Amino acid sequence: MSVKDLNCEIGERIMGWEVNCEERIYRDYSSEAGVYPRLPDFVVDGFANQMLRSKMQSLGYALTITENPLDFENNVGRTFTATYMRANKIFKTTQADGNMAVCVAALDAVAGFGINK
């Protein structure tokens, strides 16, 4: 899944927006402004990633992020594990970037994507 597709899926499935993926714009019907010119990049933009974290929290998910140490023995660099928990369900993924880990775990939790499997 490309980052563009990831952002579109987050916009539609988690944020509840009507997303035009080709033009990378969205409409948020809960906002008075209506149409926004650009779909946020939840992976790169820290503010957009924080919006995603807040939305997930409002849906009842608890997030933990763990920075994993370097593993020189197996030639693995720094990674991050994001875990969303809700009731007795756990959605976890490990990625090279912390924001990417949050995005993938969130999609897995809400939409059952299973990207990290």
N, C-alpha and C. Protein backbone atom coordinates (compact mmCIF):
# COMPACT_ATOMS: atom_id res chain seq x y z
N MET A 1 0.85 -1.18 0.00
CA MET A 1 0.00 0.00 0.00
C MET A 1 0.90 1.24 0.00
N SER A 2 0.64 2.15 -0.91
CA SER A 2 1.44 3.37 -0.99
C SER A 2 1.03 4.33 0.12
N VAL A 3 1.87 5.32 0.37
CA VAL A 3 1.56 6.33 1.39
C VAL A 3 0.32 7.11 0.98
N LYS A 4 0.18 7.38 -0.31
CA LYS A 4 -1.01 8.09 -0.80
C LYS A 4 -2.27 7.28 -0.47
N ASP A 5 -2.24 5.97 -0.77
CA ASP A 5 -3.39 5.12 -0.46
C ASP A 5 -3.64 5.04 1.05
N LEU A 6 -2.57 4.97 1.82
CA LEU A 6 -2.67 4.93 3.28
C LEU A 6 -3.39 6.17 3.79
N ASN A 7 -3.00 7.35 3.29
CA ASN A 7 -3.63 8.60 3.70
C ASN A 7 -5.10 8.64 3.31
N CYS A 8 -5.42 8.17 2.11
CA CYS A 8 -6.82 8.14 1.66
C CYS A 8 -7.66 7.23 2.54
N GLU A 9 -7.14 6.06 2.85
CA GLU A 9 -7.88 5.12 3.69
C GLU A 9 -8.09 5.66 5.09
N ILE A 10 -7.08 6.31 5.64
CA ILE A 10 -7.22 6.92 6.98
C ILE A 10 -8.29 8.00 6.93
N GLY A 11 -8.23 8.85 5.90
CA GLY A 11 -9.22 9.92 5.76
C GLY A 11 -10.64 9.39 5.70
N GLU A 12 -10.85 8.34 4.90
CA GLU A 12 -12.19 7.80 4.73
C GLU A 12 -12.64 6.95 5.91
N ARG A 13 -11.81 5.98 6.30
CA ARG A 13 -12.25 4.97 7.26
C ARG A 13 -12.14 5.40 8.72
N ILE A 14 -11.19 6.25 9.02
CA ILE A 14 -11.01 6.66 10.42
C ILE A 14 -11.55 8.06 10.68
N MET A 15 -11.17 9.01 9.82
CA MET A 15 -11.59 10.39 10.05
C MET A 15 -13.03 10.63 9.62
N GLY A 16 -13.57 9.75 8.74
CA GLY A 16 -14.96 9.88 8.31
C GLY A 16 -15.18 10.92 7.24
N TRP A 17 -14.15 11.22 6.47
CA TRP A 17 -14.24 12.23 5.42
C TRP A 17 -14.62 11.60 4.09
N GLU A 18 -15.15 12.42 3.21
CA GLU A 18 -15.32 12.02 1.81
C GLU A 18 -14.04 12.44 1.10
N VAL A 19 -13.28 11.46 0.60
CA VAL A 19 -11.95 11.73 0.05
C VAL A 19 -11.94 11.51 -1.45
N ASN A 20 -11.35 12.47 -2.16
CA ASN A 20 -11.06 12.31 -3.58
C ASN A 20 -9.57 12.00 -3.66
N CYS A 21 -9.25 10.72 -3.82
CA CYS A 21 -7.84 10.28 -3.77
C CYS A 21 -7.03 10.82 -4.93
N GLU A 22 -7.63 10.89 -6.10
CA GLU A 22 -6.89 11.37 -7.28
C GLU A 22 -6.42 12.81 -7.10
N GLU A 23 -7.32 13.65 -6.60
CA GLU A 23 -6.99 15.06 -6.41
C GLU A 23 -6.41 15.35 -5.03
N ARG A 24 -6.44 14.35 -4.16
CA ARG A 24 -5.92 14.45 -2.79
C ARG A 24 -6.58 15.59 -2.01
N ILE A 25 -7.91 15.66 -2.11
CA ILE A 25 -8.70 16.63 -1.34
C ILE A 25 -9.76 15.85 -0.58
N TYR A 26 -10.38 16.51 0.39
CA TYR A 26 -11.43 15.85 1.15
C TYR A 26 -12.48 16.84 1.59
N ARG A 27 -13.64 16.30 1.97
CA ARG A 27 -14.73 17.11 2.50
C ARG A 27 -15.07 16.55 3.87
N ASP A 28 -15.09 17.43 4.83
CA ASP A 28 -15.47 17.06 6.19
C ASP A 28 -16.82 17.69 6.47
N TYR A 29 -17.87 16.89 6.46
CA TYR A 29 -19.21 17.42 6.62
C TYR A 29 -19.49 17.92 8.03
N SER A 30 -18.64 17.56 8.99
CA SER A 30 -18.86 18.03 10.36
C SER A 30 -18.29 19.42 10.57
N SER A 31 -17.57 19.94 9.60
CA SER A 31 -16.94 21.25 9.71
C SER A 31 -17.72 22.27 8.88
N GLU A 32 -17.77 23.49 9.38
CA GLU A 32 -18.44 24.55 8.63
C GLU A 32 -17.68 24.90 7.36
N ALA A 33 -16.38 24.70 7.36
CA ALA A 33 -15.57 25.07 6.21
C ALA A 33 -15.90 24.19 5.00
N GLY A 34 -16.31 22.95 5.24
CA GLY A 34 -16.73 22.08 4.15
C GLY A 34 -15.59 21.43 3.41
N VAL A 35 -15.09 22.08 2.36
CA VAL A 35 -14.06 21.49 1.52
C VAL A 35 -12.69 22.04 1.90
N TYR A 36 -11.73 21.16 2.01
CA TYR A 36 -10.36 21.57 2.30
C TYR A 36 -9.51 21.25 1.08
N PRO A 37 -8.55 22.07 0.79
CA PRO A 37 -7.81 21.91 -0.46
C PRO A 37 -6.89 20.69 -0.53
N ARG A 38 -6.43 20.19 0.59
CA ARG A 38 -5.43 19.13 0.52
C ARG A 38 -5.66 18.09 1.62
N LEU A 39 -5.57 16.82 1.24
CA LEU A 39 -5.66 15.73 2.20
C LEU A 39 -4.37 15.72 3.03
N PRO A 40 -4.46 15.69 4.36
CA PRO A 40 -3.25 15.68 5.17
C PRO A 40 -2.41 14.43 4.94
N ASP A 41 -1.12 14.57 5.10
CA ASP A 41 -0.21 13.43 5.03
C ASP A 41 0.03 12.98 6.46
N PHE A 42 -0.66 11.93 6.87
CA PHE A 42 -0.62 11.47 8.25
C PHE A 42 0.73 10.87 8.64
N VAL A 43 1.54 10.49 7.65
CA VAL A 43 2.85 9.89 7.93
C VAL A 43 3.90 10.97 8.14
N VAL A 44 3.91 12.00 7.30
CA VAL A 44 4.97 13.01 7.33
C VAL A 44 4.64 14.19 8.24
N ASP A 45 3.39 14.63 8.22
CA ASP A 45 2.97 15.83 8.95
C ASP A 45 2.64 15.48 10.40
N GLY A 46 3.42 16.00 11.31
CA GLY A 46 3.24 15.73 12.74
C GLY A 46 1.88 16.17 13.25
N PHE A 47 1.37 17.32 12.76
CA PHE A 47 0.06 17.81 13.20
C PHE A 47 -1.04 16.86 12.74
N ALA A 48 -0.96 16.39 11.49
CA ALA A 48 -1.96 15.46 10.98
C ALA A 48 -1.90 14.13 11.74
N ASN A 49 -0.70 13.67 12.07
CA ASN A 49 -0.56 12.44 12.83
C ASN A 49 -1.18 12.59 14.22
N GLN A 50 -1.03 13.77 14.80
CA GLN A 50 -1.64 14.03 16.10
C GLN A 50 -3.16 14.05 15.99
N MET A 51 -3.69 14.56 14.87
CA MET A 51 -5.15 14.51 14.63
C MET A 51 -5.63 13.07 14.60
N LEU A 52 -4.85 12.21 13.94
CA LEU A 52 -5.20 10.79 13.87
C LEU A 52 -5.19 10.16 15.27
N ARG A 53 -4.16 10.47 16.04
CA ARG A 53 -4.07 9.93 17.41
C ARG A 53 -5.26 10.37 18.25
N SER A 54 -5.64 11.64 18.12
CA SER A 54 -6.79 12.17 18.88
C SER A 54 -8.08 11.50 18.46
N LYS A 55 -8.25 11.29 17.17
CA LYS A 55 -9.46 10.62 16.66
C LYS A 55 -9.53 9.19 17.19
N MET A 56 -8.41 8.49 17.17
CA MET A 56 -8.39 7.12 17.67
C MET A 56 -8.71 7.08 19.16
N GLN A 57 -8.20 8.05 19.92
CA GLN A 57 -8.50 8.12 21.34
C GLN A 57 -10.00 8.36 21.55
N SER A 58 -10.59 9.22 20.72
CA SER A 58 -12.03 9.49 20.86
C SER A 58 -12.87 8.26 20.49
N LEU A 59 -12.30 7.33 19.72
CA LEU A 59 -12.98 6.09 19.38
C LEU A 59 -12.76 5.01 20.43
N GLY A 60 -12.00 5.35 21.48
CA GLY A 60 -11.82 4.42 22.59
C GLY A 60 -10.55 3.57 22.52
N TYR A 61 -9.62 3.91 21.66
CA TYR A 61 -8.37 3.16 21.54
C TYR A 61 -7.28 3.83 22.36
N ALA A 62 -6.48 3.02 23.03
CA ALA A 62 -5.31 3.51 23.79
C ALA A 62 -4.07 3.17 22.98
N LEU A 63 -3.17 4.14 22.84
CA LEU A 63 -1.96 3.98 22.04
C LEU A 63 -0.73 3.91 22.92
N THR A 64 0.16 2.99 22.61
CA THR A 64 1.50 2.98 23.18
C THR A 64 2.48 2.86 22.03
N ILE A 65 3.58 3.60 22.14
CA ILE A 65 4.63 3.54 21.13
C ILE A 65 5.93 3.19 21.83
N THR A 66 6.60 2.19 21.30
CA THR A 66 7.86 1.74 21.86
C THR A 66 8.95 1.93 20.83
N GLU A 67 10.03 2.61 21.24
CA GLU A 67 11.20 2.72 20.36
C GLU A 67 12.08 1.51 20.64
N ASN A 68 12.28 0.71 19.63
CA ASN A 68 13.07 -0.51 19.76
C ASN A 68 14.55 -0.21 19.55
N PRO A 69 15.42 -0.86 20.29
CA PRO A 69 16.86 -0.58 20.17
C PRO A 69 17.43 -1.12 18.85
N LEU A 70 18.57 -0.59 18.50
CA LEU A 70 19.30 -1.09 17.33
C LEU A 70 19.68 -2.54 17.57
N ASP A 71 19.63 -3.32 16.53
CA ASP A 71 20.01 -4.73 16.62
C ASP A 71 21.15 -4.97 15.63
N PHE A 72 22.37 -4.71 16.10
CA PHE A 72 23.54 -4.84 15.22
C PHE A 72 23.78 -6.27 14.79
N GLU A 73 23.41 -7.21 15.63
CA GLU A 73 23.61 -8.62 15.32
C GLU A 73 22.83 -9.05 14.07
N ASN A 74 21.61 -8.55 13.96
CA ASN A 74 20.76 -8.90 12.82
C ASN A 74 20.70 -7.79 11.77
N ASN A 75 21.55 -6.78 11.92
CA ASN A 75 21.64 -5.67 10.97
C ASN A 75 20.30 -4.95 10.81
N VAL A 76 19.64 -4.66 11.95
CA VAL A 76 18.35 -3.97 11.97
C VAL A 76 18.54 -2.63 12.65
N GLY A 77 18.09 -1.57 11.97
CA GLY A 77 18.18 -0.23 12.53
C GLY A 77 17.08 0.04 13.54
N ARG A 78 16.96 1.28 13.91
CA ARG A 78 15.95 1.70 14.89
C ARG A 78 14.55 1.50 14.30
N THR A 79 13.68 0.91 15.10
CA THR A 79 12.28 0.71 14.69
C THR A 79 11.36 1.17 15.81
N PHE A 80 10.09 1.30 15.46
CA PHE A 80 9.07 1.72 16.42
C PHE A 80 7.91 0.75 16.36
N THR A 81 7.41 0.37 17.51
CA THR A 81 6.23 -0.49 17.58
C THR A 81 5.08 0.35 18.13
N ALA A 82 4.01 0.44 17.33
CA ALA A 82 2.80 1.14 17.76
C ALA A 82 1.76 0.08 18.09
N THR A 83 1.13 0.24 19.25
CA THR A 83 0.10 -0.70 19.68
C THR A 83 -1.15 0.08 20.07
N TYR A 84 -2.26 -0.26 19.41
CA TYR A 84 -3.56 0.28 19.80
C TYR A 84 -4.30 -0.82 20.53
N MET A 85 -4.90 -0.47 21.67
CA MET A 85 -5.67 -1.43 22.46
C MET A 85 -7.06 -0.88 22.71
N ARG A 86 -8.02 -1.79 22.66
CA ARG A 86 -9.40 -1.44 22.99
C ARG A 86 -10.06 -2.70 23.51
N ALA A 87 -10.54 -2.61 24.72
CA ALA A 87 -11.11 -3.79 25.40
C ALA A 87 -10.06 -4.89 25.42
N ASN A 88 -10.37 -6.04 24.87
CA ASN A 88 -9.41 -7.14 24.90
C ASN A 88 -8.74 -7.35 23.53
N LYS A 89 -8.82 -6.36 22.66
CA LYS A 89 -8.21 -6.47 21.33
C LYS A 89 -6.94 -5.62 21.26
N ILE A 90 -5.92 -6.19 20.62
CA ILE A 90 -4.63 -5.51 20.48
C ILE A 90 -4.25 -5.49 19.00
N PHE A 91 -3.87 -4.32 18.52
CA PHE A 91 -3.44 -4.14 17.13
C PHE A 91 -2.04 -3.53 17.17
N LYS A 92 -1.07 -4.28 16.67
CA LYS A 92 0.33 -3.90 16.83
C LYS A 92 1.08 -4.01 15.50
N THR A 93 1.99 -3.07 15.26
CA THR A 93 2.86 -3.15 14.10
C THR A 93 4.20 -2.51 14.43
N THR A 94 5.24 -2.96 13.76
CA THR A 94 6.58 -2.38 13.90
C THR A 94 7.00 -1.85 12.55
N GLN A 95 7.44 -0.59 12.54
CA GLN A 95 7.86 0.08 11.31
C GLN A 95 9.14 0.87 11.59
N ALA A 96 9.81 1.30 10.54
CA ALA A 96 11.03 2.08 10.67
C ALA A 96 10.75 3.52 11.13
N ASP A 97 9.52 3.98 10.95
CA ASP A 97 9.14 5.35 11.32
C ASP A 97 7.98 5.28 12.32
N GLY A 98 8.05 6.10 13.35
CA GLY A 98 7.03 6.10 14.39
C GLY A 98 5.66 6.50 13.88
N ASN A 99 5.59 7.56 13.06
CA ASN A 99 4.30 8.00 12.52
C ASN A 99 3.70 6.94 11.59
N MET A 100 4.54 6.28 10.81
CA MET A 100 4.05 5.21 9.93
C MET A 100 3.49 4.06 10.76
N ALA A 101 4.16 3.74 11.86
CA ALA A 101 3.66 2.66 12.74
C ALA A 101 2.29 3.02 13.30
N VAL A 102 2.10 4.28 13.69
CA VAL A 102 0.81 4.73 14.22
C VAL A 102 -0.27 4.59 13.14
N CYS A 103 0.04 5.00 11.91
CA CYS A 103 -0.93 4.94 10.81
C CYS A 103 -1.34 3.50 10.50
N VAL A 104 -0.37 2.61 10.39
CA VAL A 104 -0.65 1.22 10.04
C VAL A 104 -1.45 0.53 11.15
N ALA A 105 -1.05 0.76 12.40
CA ALA A 105 -1.78 0.14 13.52
C ALA A 105 -3.20 0.68 13.61
N ALA A 106 -3.38 1.98 13.34
CA ALA A 106 -4.72 2.57 13.39
C ALA A 106 -5.63 1.97 12.32
N LEU A 107 -5.12 1.84 11.11
CA LEU A 107 -5.92 1.24 10.03
C LEU A 107 -6.25 -0.21 10.34
N ASP A 108 -5.31 -0.91 10.89
CA ASP A 108 -5.56 -2.31 11.25
C ASP A 108 -6.65 -2.40 12.32
N ALA A 109 -6.59 -1.49 13.30
CA ALA A 109 -7.56 -1.50 14.39
C ALA A 109 -8.97 -1.17 13.91
N VAL A 110 -9.10 -0.13 13.11
CA VAL A 110 -10.42 0.35 12.72
C VAL A 110 -10.98 -0.39 11.51
N ALA A 111 -10.13 -0.67 10.54
CA ALA A 111 -10.61 -1.24 9.29
C ALA A 111 -10.23 -2.70 9.10
N GLY A 112 -9.46 -3.26 10.03
CA GLY A 112 -9.07 -4.66 9.91
C GLY A 112 -8.20 -4.96 8.71
N PHE A 113 -7.34 -4.03 8.35
CA PHE A 113 -6.52 -4.18 7.15
C PHE A 113 -5.50 -5.29 7.26
N GLY A 114 -4.94 -5.49 8.44
CA GLY A 114 -3.94 -6.53 8.57
C GLY A 114 -2.71 -6.26 7.74
N ILE A 115 -2.36 -4.99 7.58
CA ILE A 115 -1.21 -4.57 6.76
C ILE A 115 0.08 -5.16 7.32
N ASN A 116 0.17 -5.23 8.64
CA ASN A 116 1.41 -5.63 9.28
C ASN A 116 1.56 -7.14 9.39
N LYS A 117 0.66 -7.92 8.86
CA LYS A 117 0.73 -9.37 8.99
C LYS A 117 1.45 -9.99 7.84
